[in-house]
Amino acid sequence: MKKIIAALTFMLAFSINASAQDKNTPSAYDKGKKEAAELSEFLGLEQIQSDNFARLFEQKIIVLDDKNLSPERRAEFSRVVEAKIRATLDGKQMEKLEKNTVLLEKLTH
């Protein structure tokens, strides 16, 4: 009986430790929201646009985190994300974003 209780205690202790480690890593939602905030701050976007970009970037992170995705599919998905960004922003905003190549690369890849 003591062995069973000890085993359950260890199992519970390790599961609590594992879940605590999971909470330290940011989720795709958090990362997407952060990227959208960077874009919004840089371009001065409205809240609705920022929310839409947060969902786009969350989806981008989920798809690109897939280890089974081929390099060709990654490149195509990055191209699609860039096309969606270009379709959403107006000419002046896109021109400003194109000048900041580091941010554009981060948002599309």
C-alpha atoms as a PDB file:
ATOM      1  CA  MET A   1       0.000   0.000   0.000  1.00  0.00           C
ATOM      2  CA  LYS A   2       2.853   2.359   0.876  1.00  0.00           C
ATOM      3  CA  LYS A   3       4.446   1.683  -2.515  1.00  0.00           C
ATOM      4  CA  ILE A   4       1.236   2.583  -4.321  1.00  0.00           C
ATOM      5  CA  ILE A   5       0.904   5.841  -2.392  1.00  0.00           C
ATOM      6  CA  ALA A   6       4.563   6.656  -3.033  1.00  0.00           C
ATOM      7  CA  ALA A   7       4.177   5.917  -6.744  1.00  0.00           C
ATOM      8  CA  LEU A   8       1.076   8.126  -6.989  1.00  0.00           C
ATOM      9  CA  THR A   9       2.888  10.925  -5.131  1.00  0.00           C
ATOM     10  CA  PHE A  10       5.838  10.781  -7.515  1.00  0.00           C
ATOM     11  CA  MET A  11       3.539  10.683 -10.529  1.00  0.00           C
ATOM     12  CA  LEU A  12       1.638  13.719  -9.271  1.00  0.00           C
ATOM     13  CA  ALA A  13       4.853  15.608  -8.501  1.00  0.00           C
ATOM     14  CA  PHE A  14       6.272  14.993 -11.972  1.00  0.00           C
ATOM     15  CA  SER A  15       3.027  15.945 -13.716  1.00  0.00           C
ATOM     16  CA  ILE A  16       2.873  19.241 -11.800  1.00  0.00           C
ATOM     17  CA  ASN A  17       6.496  19.947 -12.710  1.00  0.00           C
ATOM     18  CA  ALA A  18       5.842  19.194 -16.388  1.00  0.00           C
ATOM     19  CA  SER A  19       2.792  21.450 -16.549  1.00  0.00           C
ATOM     20  CA  ALA A  20       4.720  24.266 -14.863  1.00  0.00           C
ATOM     21  CA  GLN A  21       7.355  24.056 -17.602  1.00  0.00           C
ATOM     22  CA  ASP A  22       4.681  24.244 -20.307  1.00  0.00           C
ATOM     23  CA  LYS A  23       3.375  27.521 -18.898  1.00  0.00           C
ATOM     24  CA  ASN A  24       6.761  29.201 -19.322  1.00  0.00           C
ATOM     25  CA  THR A  25       6.786  28.807 -23.109  1.00  0.00           C
ATOM     26  CA  PRO A  26       4.631  31.329 -24.959  1.00  0.00           C
ATOM     27  CA  SER A  27       1.794  29.936 -27.040  1.00  0.00           C
ATOM     28  CA  ALA A  28       1.263  30.558 -30.745  1.00  0.00           C
ATOM     29  CA  TYR A  29      -1.498  32.985 -29.741  1.00  0.00           C
ATOM     30  CA  ASP A  30       0.907  34.985 -27.562  1.00  0.00           C
ATOM     31  CA  LYS A  31       3.597  35.032 -30.244  1.00  0.00           C
ATOM     32  CA  GLY A  32       1.097  36.075 -32.915  1.00  0.00           C
ATOM     33  CA  LYS A  33      -0.264  38.825 -30.710  1.00  0.00           C
ATOM     34  CA  LYS A  34       3.280  40.084 -30.050  1.00  0.00           C
ATOM     35  CA  GLU A  35       4.115  40.187 -33.771  1.00  0.00           C
ATOM     36  CA  ALA A  36       0.849  41.998 -34.494  1.00  0.00           C
ATOM     37  CA  ALA A  37       1.639  44.511 -31.756  1.00  0.00           C
ATOM     38  CA  GLU A  38       5.053  45.172 -33.317  1.00  0.00           C
ATOM     39  CA  LEU A  39       3.476  45.744 -36.722  1.00  0.00           C
ATOM     40  CA  SER A  40       0.716  47.885 -35.243  1.00  0.00           C
ATOM     41  CA  GLU A  41       3.189  50.017 -33.314  1.00  0.00           C
ATOM     42  CA  PHE A  42       5.410  50.452 -36.372  1.00  0.00           C
ATOM     43  CA  LEU A  43       2.568  51.412 -38.734  1.00  0.00           C
ATOM     44  CA  GLY A  44       0.029  52.876 -36.295  1.00  0.00           C
ATOM     45  CA  LEU A  45      -2.739  50.404 -37.152  1.00  0.00           C
ATOM     46  CA  GLU A  46      -6.244  50.421 -35.729  1.00  0.00           C
ATOM     47  CA  GLN A  47      -7.243  47.802 -33.146  1.00  0.00           C
ATOM     48  CA  ILE A  48      -9.349  45.766 -35.586  1.00  0.00           C
ATOM     49  CA  GLN A  49      -6.435  45.508 -38.017  1.00  0.00           C
ATOM     50  CA  SER A  50      -4.113  44.524 -35.190  1.00  0.00           C
ATOM     51  CA  ASP A  51      -6.531  41.788 -34.097  1.00  0.00           C
ATOM     52  CA  ASN A  52      -6.777  40.469 -37.662  1.00  0.00           C
ATOM     53  CA  PHE A  53      -3.002  40.382 -37.998  1.00  0.00           C
ATOM     54  CA  ALA A  54      -2.723  38.613 -34.630  1.00  0.00           C
ATOM     55  CA  ARG A  55      -4.900  35.784 -35.958  1.00  0.00           C
ATOM     56  CA  LEU A  56      -2.906  35.637 -39.198  1.00  0.00           C
ATOM     57  CA  PHE A  57       0.410  35.478 -37.360  1.00  0.00           C
ATOM     58  CA  GLU A  58      -0.922  32.893 -34.906  1.00  0.00           C
ATOM     59  CA  GLN A  59      -1.876  30.677 -37.833  1.00  0.00           C
ATOM     60  CA  LYS A  60       1.525  31.310 -39.451  1.00  0.00           C
ATOM     61  CA  ILE A  61       3.322  30.204 -36.290  1.00  0.00           C
ATOM     62  CA  ILE A  62       1.228  27.056 -35.972  1.00  0.00           C
ATOM     63  CA  VAL A  63       1.819  26.046 -39.591  1.00  0.00           C
ATOM     64  CA  LEU A  64       5.525  26.871 -39.691  1.00  0.00           C
ATOM     65  CA  ASP A  65       6.180  25.034 -36.397  1.00  0.00           C
ATOM     66  CA  ASP A  66       5.167  21.783 -38.105  1.00  0.00           C
ATOM     67  CA  LYS A  67       8.374  19.734 -38.391  1.00  0.00           C
ATOM     68  CA  ASN A  68       6.943  17.630 -41.244  1.00  0.00           C
ATOM     69  CA  LEU A  69       6.432  20.642 -43.510  1.00  0.00           C
ATOM     70  CA  SER A  70       8.679  20.570 -46.574  1.00  0.00           C
ATOM     71  CA  PRO A  71      10.874  23.597 -47.400  1.00  0.00           C
ATOM     72  CA  GLU A  72       8.810  24.230 -50.530  1.00  0.00           C
ATOM     73  CA  ARG A  73       5.579  24.332 -48.515  1.00  0.00           C
ATOM     74  CA  ARG A  74       7.194  26.652 -45.963  1.00  0.00           C
ATOM     75  CA  ALA A  75       8.285  29.022 -48.727  1.00  0.00           C
ATOM     76  CA  GLU A  76       4.820  28.949 -50.300  1.00  0.00           C
ATOM     77  CA  PHE A  77       3.104  29.583 -46.975  1.00  0.00           C
ATOM     78  CA  SER A  78       5.447  32.503 -46.271  1.00  0.00           C
ATOM     79  CA  ARG A  79       4.590  33.917 -49.705  1.00  0.00           C
ATOM     80  CA  VAL A  80       0.872  33.617 -48.905  1.00  0.00           C
ATOM     81  CA  VAL A  81       1.328  35.403 -45.567  1.00  0.00           C
ATOM     82  CA  GLU A  82       3.195  38.222 -47.320  1.00  0.00           C
ATOM     83  CA  ALA A  83       0.432  38.468 -49.939  1.00  0.00           C
ATOM     84  CA  LYS A  84      -2.186  38.769 -47.182  1.00  0.00           C
ATOM     85  CA  ILE A  85      -0.163  41.509 -45.492  1.00  0.00           C
ATOM     86  CA  ARG A  86       0.161  43.375 -48.816  1.00  0.00           C
ATOM     87  CA  ALA A  87      -3.573  43.027 -49.494  1.00  0.00           C
ATOM     88  CA  THR A  88      -4.492  44.423 -46.092  1.00  0.00           C
ATOM     89  CA  LEU A  89      -2.171  47.417 -45.898  1.00  0.00           C
ATOM     90  CA  ASP A  90      -2.470  50.522 -48.047  1.00  0.00           C
ATOM     91  CA  GLY A  91       0.344  51.712 -50.325  1.00  0.00           C
ATOM     92  CA  LYS A  92       2.005  54.087 -47.851  1.00  0.00           C
ATOM     93  CA  GLN A  93       1.937  51.540 -45.040  1.00  0.00           C
ATOM     94  CA  MET A  94       3.353  48.820 -47.283  1.00  0.00           C
ATOM     95  CA  GLU A  95       6.072  51.132 -48.539  1.00  0.00           C
ATOM     96  CA  LYS A  96       7.069  51.923 -44.957  1.00  0.00           C
ATOM     97  CA  LEU A  97       7.074  48.211 -44.064  1.00  0.00           C
ATOM     98  CA  GLU A  98       9.173  47.309 -47.114  1.00  0.00           C
ATOM     99  CA  LYS A  99      11.847  49.740 -45.908  1.00  0.00           C
ATOM    100  CA  ASN A 100      12.042  47.802 -42.630  1.00  0.00           C
ATOM    101  CA  THR A 101      13.236  44.514 -44.138  1.00  0.00           C
ATOM    102  CA  VAL A 102      14.015  42.963 -40.744  1.00  0.00           C
ATOM    103  CA  LEU A 103      10.432  43.346 -39.546  1.00  0.00           C
ATOM    104  CA  LEU A 104       8.971  42.220 -42.874  1.00  0.00           C
ATOM    105  CA  GLU A 105      11.152  39.095 -42.851  1.00  0.00           C
ATOM    106  CA  LYS A 106      10.154  38.344 -39.250  1.00  0.00           C
ATOM    107  CA  LEU A 107       6.458  38.697 -40.013  1.00  0.00           C
ATOM    108  CA  THR A 108       6.497  36.517 -43.108  1.00  0.00           C
ATOM    109  CA  HIS A 109       8.822  33.723 -42.010  1.00  0.00           C
END
